[in-house]
Amino acid sequence: MKKLTILAIAALAMSFASCKKDYTCKCTYTWTGGSGTSTEIIKGVSKKQAQANCVSYEYKNEAGVTEQTGTCTLSK
């Protein structure tokens, strides 16, 4: 009975641990006169870390005009 309790506690503790997985970051870029896409695989990280590395952006020139945007999404 004692072994069963210890195994149950260990299994429960592992279920709360941060799972490190591979995630895919897909980005669509647009710029003056064109567009493109890219895919990056982010390996062995938590979801929070993957989200921090898969970010959308907007680049503006000195006049404040948007010259390039990147829209990124994260998936498993």
N, C-alpha and C. Protein backbone atom coordinates (compact mmCIF):
# COMPACT_ATOMS: atom_id res chain seq x y z
N MET A 1 0.83 -1.19 0.00
CA MET A 1 0.00 0.00 0.00
C MET A 1 0.87 1.26 0.00
N LYS A 2 1.96 1.22 0.76
CA LYS A 2 2.85 2.37 0.84
C LYS A 2 3.48 2.68 -0.51
N LYS A 3 3.87 1.63 -1.26
CA LYS A 3 4.46 1.82 -2.58
C LYS A 3 3.46 2.42 -3.54
N LEU A 4 2.22 1.99 -3.45
CA LEU A 4 1.18 2.52 -4.32
C LEU A 4 0.96 4.01 -4.05
N THR A 5 0.98 4.40 -2.80
CA THR A 5 0.81 5.81 -2.44
C THR A 5 1.97 6.64 -2.97
N ILE A 6 3.19 6.15 -2.84
CA ILE A 6 4.37 6.87 -3.32
C ILE A 6 4.31 7.00 -4.84
N LEU A 7 3.91 5.95 -5.55
CA LEU A 7 3.79 6.01 -7.01
C LEU A 7 2.72 7.00 -7.44
N ALA A 8 1.62 7.03 -6.71
CA ALA A 8 0.54 7.96 -7.04
C ALA A 8 0.99 9.41 -6.85
N ILE A 9 1.72 9.67 -5.78
CA ILE A 9 2.23 11.02 -5.52
C ILE A 9 3.24 11.42 -6.59
N ALA A 10 4.11 10.49 -6.98
CA ALA A 10 5.11 10.78 -8.02
C ALA A 10 4.43 11.08 -9.35
N ALA A 11 3.41 10.31 -9.70
CA ALA A 11 2.68 10.54 -10.96
C ALA A 11 1.98 11.90 -10.93
N LEU A 12 1.42 12.25 -9.81
CA LEU A 12 0.74 13.54 -9.67
C LEU A 12 1.75 14.69 -9.80
N ALA A 13 2.90 14.55 -9.18
CA ALA A 13 3.93 15.60 -9.25
C ALA A 13 4.42 15.77 -10.68
N MET A 14 4.58 14.69 -11.41
CA MET A 14 5.04 14.78 -12.79
C MET A 14 4.00 15.44 -13.69
N SER A 15 2.73 15.28 -13.36
CA SER A 15 1.69 15.90 -14.19
C SER A 15 1.68 17.42 -14.06
N PHE A 16 2.21 17.95 -12.95
CA PHE A 16 2.28 19.40 -12.76
C PHE A 16 3.59 19.99 -13.28
N ALA A 17 4.53 19.15 -13.62
CA ALA A 17 5.82 19.64 -14.11
C ALA A 17 5.63 20.29 -15.48
N SER A 18 6.49 21.23 -15.79
CA SER A 18 6.43 21.92 -17.08
C SER A 18 6.89 20.98 -18.18
N CYS A 19 6.02 20.72 -19.12
CA CYS A 19 6.35 19.82 -20.22
C CYS A 19 7.16 20.59 -21.26
N LYS A 20 8.27 20.01 -21.65
CA LYS A 20 9.10 20.62 -22.68
C LYS A 20 8.84 19.86 -23.97
N LYS A 21 8.40 20.58 -24.98
CA LYS A 21 8.01 19.99 -26.25
C LYS A 21 8.61 20.77 -27.39
N ASP A 22 8.34 20.32 -28.59
CA ASP A 22 8.71 21.04 -29.79
C ASP A 22 7.50 21.81 -30.29
N TYR A 23 7.70 23.06 -30.66
CA TYR A 23 6.63 23.91 -31.16
C TYR A 23 7.02 24.45 -32.53
N THR A 24 6.02 24.79 -33.32
CA THR A 24 6.25 25.36 -34.65
C THR A 24 5.74 26.79 -34.66
N CYS A 25 6.61 27.69 -35.11
CA CYS A 25 6.26 29.10 -35.23
C CYS A 25 6.16 29.42 -36.72
N LYS A 26 4.95 29.77 -37.17
CA LYS A 26 4.73 30.11 -38.57
C LYS A 26 4.46 31.61 -38.69
N CYS A 27 5.22 32.25 -39.57
CA CYS A 27 5.10 33.70 -39.74
C CYS A 27 4.78 34.05 -41.19
N THR A 28 3.92 35.04 -41.35
CA THR A 28 3.61 35.60 -42.66
C THR A 28 4.10 37.04 -42.65
N TYR A 29 4.93 37.38 -43.61
CA TYR A 29 5.52 38.71 -43.70
C TYR A 29 4.94 39.47 -44.88
N THR A 30 4.74 40.75 -44.70
CA THR A 30 4.36 41.62 -45.82
C THR A 30 5.24 42.86 -45.74
N TRP A 31 5.64 43.33 -46.90
CA TRP A 31 6.43 44.54 -47.00
C TRP A 31 6.06 45.23 -48.29
N THR A 32 6.53 46.43 -48.47
CA THR A 32 6.22 47.20 -49.66
C THR A 32 6.66 46.41 -50.88
N GLY A 33 5.70 45.99 -51.68
CA GLY A 33 6.02 45.28 -52.91
C GLY A 33 6.14 43.77 -52.79
N GLY A 34 5.82 43.18 -51.64
CA GLY A 34 5.95 41.73 -51.57
C GLY A 34 5.44 41.12 -50.28
N SER A 35 5.58 39.80 -50.21
CA SER A 35 5.18 39.06 -49.01
C SER A 35 5.94 37.75 -48.99
N GLY A 36 5.90 37.08 -47.87
CA GLY A 36 6.58 35.80 -47.73
C GLY A 36 6.16 35.10 -46.45
N THR A 37 6.61 33.88 -46.29
CA THR A 37 6.31 33.10 -45.10
C THR A 37 7.57 32.40 -44.61
N SER A 38 7.56 32.02 -43.34
CA SER A 38 8.65 31.22 -42.79
C SER A 38 8.09 30.32 -41.71
N THR A 39 8.78 29.22 -41.48
CA THR A 39 8.42 28.28 -40.43
C THR A 39 9.67 27.95 -39.64
N GLU A 40 9.57 28.06 -38.33
CA GLU A 40 10.69 27.76 -37.45
C GLU A 40 10.23 26.74 -36.42
N ILE A 41 11.05 25.73 -36.18
CA ILE A 41 10.75 24.74 -35.15
C ILE A 41 11.55 25.12 -33.91
N ILE A 42 10.84 25.30 -32.80
CA ILE A 42 11.46 25.64 -31.53
C ILE A 42 11.43 24.36 -30.70
N LYS A 43 12.60 23.79 -30.43
CA LYS A 43 12.69 22.46 -29.83
C LYS A 43 12.96 22.48 -28.33
N GLY A 44 12.28 21.56 -27.63
CA GLY A 44 12.55 21.28 -26.23
C GLY A 44 12.36 22.44 -25.27
N VAL A 45 11.27 23.16 -25.43
CA VAL A 45 11.00 24.30 -24.54
C VAL A 45 9.57 24.21 -24.00
N SER A 46 9.31 24.98 -22.97
CA SER A 46 7.94 25.06 -22.45
C SER A 46 7.11 25.94 -23.39
N LYS A 47 5.81 25.88 -23.26
CA LYS A 47 4.94 26.68 -24.11
C LYS A 47 5.19 28.17 -23.88
N LYS A 48 5.44 28.56 -22.64
CA LYS A 48 5.71 29.96 -22.31
C LYS A 48 6.97 30.45 -23.02
N GLN A 49 8.01 29.62 -23.03
CA GLN A 49 9.25 29.99 -23.72
C GLN A 49 9.04 30.08 -25.22
N ALA A 50 8.28 29.13 -25.77
CA ALA A 50 8.01 29.15 -27.21
C ALA A 50 7.23 30.40 -27.61
N GLN A 51 6.25 30.79 -26.80
CA GLN A 51 5.47 31.99 -27.09
C GLN A 51 6.34 33.24 -27.04
N ALA A 52 7.32 33.24 -26.16
CA ALA A 52 8.22 34.39 -26.05
C ALA A 52 9.12 34.52 -27.28
N ASN A 53 9.35 33.42 -27.98
CA ASN A 53 10.22 33.42 -29.15
C ASN A 53 9.48 33.47 -30.48
N CYS A 54 8.17 33.43 -30.43
CA CYS A 54 7.36 33.46 -31.66
C CYS A 54 6.49 34.71 -31.59
N VAL A 55 7.05 35.83 -32.01
CA VAL A 55 6.36 37.11 -31.83
C VAL A 55 6.08 37.79 -33.17
N SER A 56 4.96 38.45 -33.24
CA SER A 56 4.61 39.27 -34.39
C SER A 56 5.27 40.63 -34.21
N TYR A 57 5.43 41.34 -35.32
CA TYR A 57 6.07 42.66 -35.22
C TYR A 57 5.60 43.57 -36.33
N GLU A 58 5.93 44.84 -36.17
CA GLU A 58 5.65 45.84 -37.18
C GLU A 58 6.86 46.78 -37.23
N TYR A 59 7.42 46.97 -38.39
CA TYR A 59 8.57 47.85 -38.56
C TYR A 59 8.12 49.13 -39.24
N LYS A 60 8.43 50.26 -38.61
CA LYS A 60 8.09 51.56 -39.19
C LYS A 60 9.38 52.32 -39.47
N ASN A 61 9.36 53.09 -40.54
CA ASN A 61 10.53 53.91 -40.86
C ASN A 61 10.53 55.17 -40.01
N GLU A 62 11.51 56.04 -40.22
CA GLU A 62 11.64 57.25 -39.41
C GLU A 62 10.44 58.18 -39.53
N ALA A 63 9.74 58.11 -40.65
CA ALA A 63 8.56 58.96 -40.86
C ALA A 63 7.31 58.36 -40.22
N GLY A 64 7.44 57.16 -39.63
CA GLY A 64 6.29 56.52 -38.99
C GLY A 64 5.44 55.69 -39.93
N VAL A 65 5.92 55.46 -41.15
CA VAL A 65 5.18 54.68 -42.13
C VAL A 65 5.56 53.20 -41.97
N THR A 66 4.56 52.33 -41.90
CA THR A 66 4.81 50.90 -41.76
C THR A 66 5.42 50.37 -43.05
N GLU A 67 6.59 49.78 -42.93
CA GLU A 67 7.28 49.22 -44.10
C GLU A 67 7.23 47.70 -44.13
N GLN A 68 7.14 47.08 -42.96
CA GLN A 68 7.11 45.62 -42.92
C GLN A 68 6.36 45.16 -41.68
N THR A 69 5.58 44.08 -41.84
CA THR A 69 4.91 43.46 -40.71
C THR A 69 5.15 41.96 -40.76
N GLY A 70 5.13 41.36 -39.59
CA GLY A 70 5.25 39.91 -39.48
C GLY A 70 4.21 39.41 -38.50
N THR A 71 3.34 38.54 -38.96
CA THR A 71 2.29 37.98 -38.11
C THR A 71 2.64 36.52 -37.86
N CYS A 72 2.90 36.16 -36.60
CA CYS A 72 3.37 34.82 -36.26
C CYS A 72 2.37 34.11 -35.36
N THR A 73 2.23 32.79 -35.57
CA THR A 73 1.37 31.97 -34.74
C THR A 73 2.14 30.73 -34.29
N LEU A 74 1.82 30.26 -33.11
CA LEU A 74 2.50 29.12 -32.51
C LEU A 74 1.59 27.91 -32.52
N SER A 75 2.15 26.75 -32.88
CA SER A 75 1.38 25.51 -32.84
C SER A 75 2.30 24.39 -32.39
N LYS A 76 1.71 23.26 -32.03
CA LYS A 76 2.51 22.11 -31.60
C LYS A 76 3.05 21.38 -32.79
